């Protein structure tokens, strides 16, 4: 088992952020927070998805291109 994200959702062992390809893991004080998109449910590091949104493609998921919300 990979643990849980900060919302209490289960993380699969080896689950990766589709943007930076780094492993998603439970956030610690110094770790990366995880964001889950409401529309499709894909998860990313908070900083990675914030950068994606800042690039101008805020309405789609970078993994599946489905609606974000």
Protein backbone atom coordinates (compact mmCIF):
# COMPACT_ATOMS: atom_id res chain seq x y z
CA UNK A 1 0.00 0.00 0.00
CA UNK A 2 1.27 3.47 -0.84
CA UNK A 3 -0.37 5.34 2.05
CA UNK A 4 -2.89 8.16 1.83
CA UNK A 5 -2.87 11.67 0.42
CA UNK A 6 -3.69 14.71 2.56
CA UNK A 7 -7.40 14.24 1.85
CA UNK A 8 -7.33 10.69 3.18
CA UNK A 9 -7.54 9.04 -0.27
CA UNK A 10 -5.57 5.85 -0.76
CA UNK A 11 -2.41 6.10 -2.87
CA UNK A 12 -1.40 3.08 -4.91
CA UNK A 13 2.15 1.83 -4.45
CA UNK A 14 4.33 3.57 -7.03
CA UNK A 15 1.59 5.99 -8.17
CA UNK A 16 3.25 8.88 -10.04
CA UNK A 17 2.49 12.50 -10.81
CA UNK A 18 1.69 12.51 -14.54
CA UNK A 19 3.46 15.86 -14.94
CA UNK A 20 6.87 15.36 -13.29
CA UNK A 21 6.76 11.52 -13.08
CA UNK A 22 7.97 11.63 -9.46
CA UNK A 23 6.27 9.26 -7.00
CA UNK A 24 3.23 10.54 -5.14
CA UNK A 25 3.56 9.94 -1.44
CA UNK A 26 2.04 11.13 1.74
CA UNK A 27 2.84 14.79 2.28
CA UNK A 28 5.13 15.57 5.16
CA UNK A 29 6.05 18.93 6.58
CA UNK A 30 8.72 19.32 3.89
CA UNK A 31 7.14 17.12 1.23
CA UNK A 32 5.00 17.93 -1.78
CA UNK A 33 1.24 18.19 -1.33
CA UNK A 34 -1.05 16.22 -3.62
CA UNK A 35 -3.94 17.73 -5.57
CA UNK A 36 -6.82 15.63 -6.92
CA UNK A 37 -8.86 16.93 -9.84
CA UNK A 38 -12.60 16.74 -9.23
CA UNK A 39 -13.59 15.95 -12.82
CA UNK A 40 -11.45 12.90 -13.56
CA UNK A 41 -9.88 12.10 -10.19
CA UNK A 42 -6.26 12.14 -11.39
CA UNK A 43 -3.72 13.27 -8.79
CA UNK A 44 -0.64 15.44 -9.13
CA UNK A 45 1.77 17.30 -6.92
CA UNK A 46 0.13 20.60 -5.98
CA UNK A 47 3.05 22.62 -7.43
CA UNK A 48 2.99 20.67 -10.70
CA UNK A 49 -0.72 21.23 -11.33
CA UNK A 50 -0.46 24.88 -10.28
CA UNK A 51 2.30 25.37 -12.88
CA UNK A 52 0.15 23.56 -15.48
CA UNK A 53 -2.71 25.95 -14.78
CA UNK A 54 -0.38 28.95 -14.96
CA UNK A 55 0.70 27.84 -18.46
CA UNK A 56 -2.84 28.59 -19.66
CA UNK A 57 -4.41 25.13 -19.93
CA UNK A 58 -6.41 25.41 -16.72
CA UNK A 59 -9.59 23.71 -17.95
CA UNK A 60 -8.25 20.24 -18.76
CA UNK A 61 -6.42 17.43 -16.99
CA UNK A 62 -2.81 17.11 -18.20
CA UNK A 63 -3.12 13.31 -18.06
CA UNK A 64 -6.41 12.54 -19.83
CA UNK A 65 -7.36 15.98 -21.22
CA UNK A 66 -10.79 15.55 -19.66
CA UNK A 67 -12.53 18.43 -17.87
CA UNK A 68 -10.80 19.48 -14.67
CA UNK A 69 -13.99 20.04 -12.68
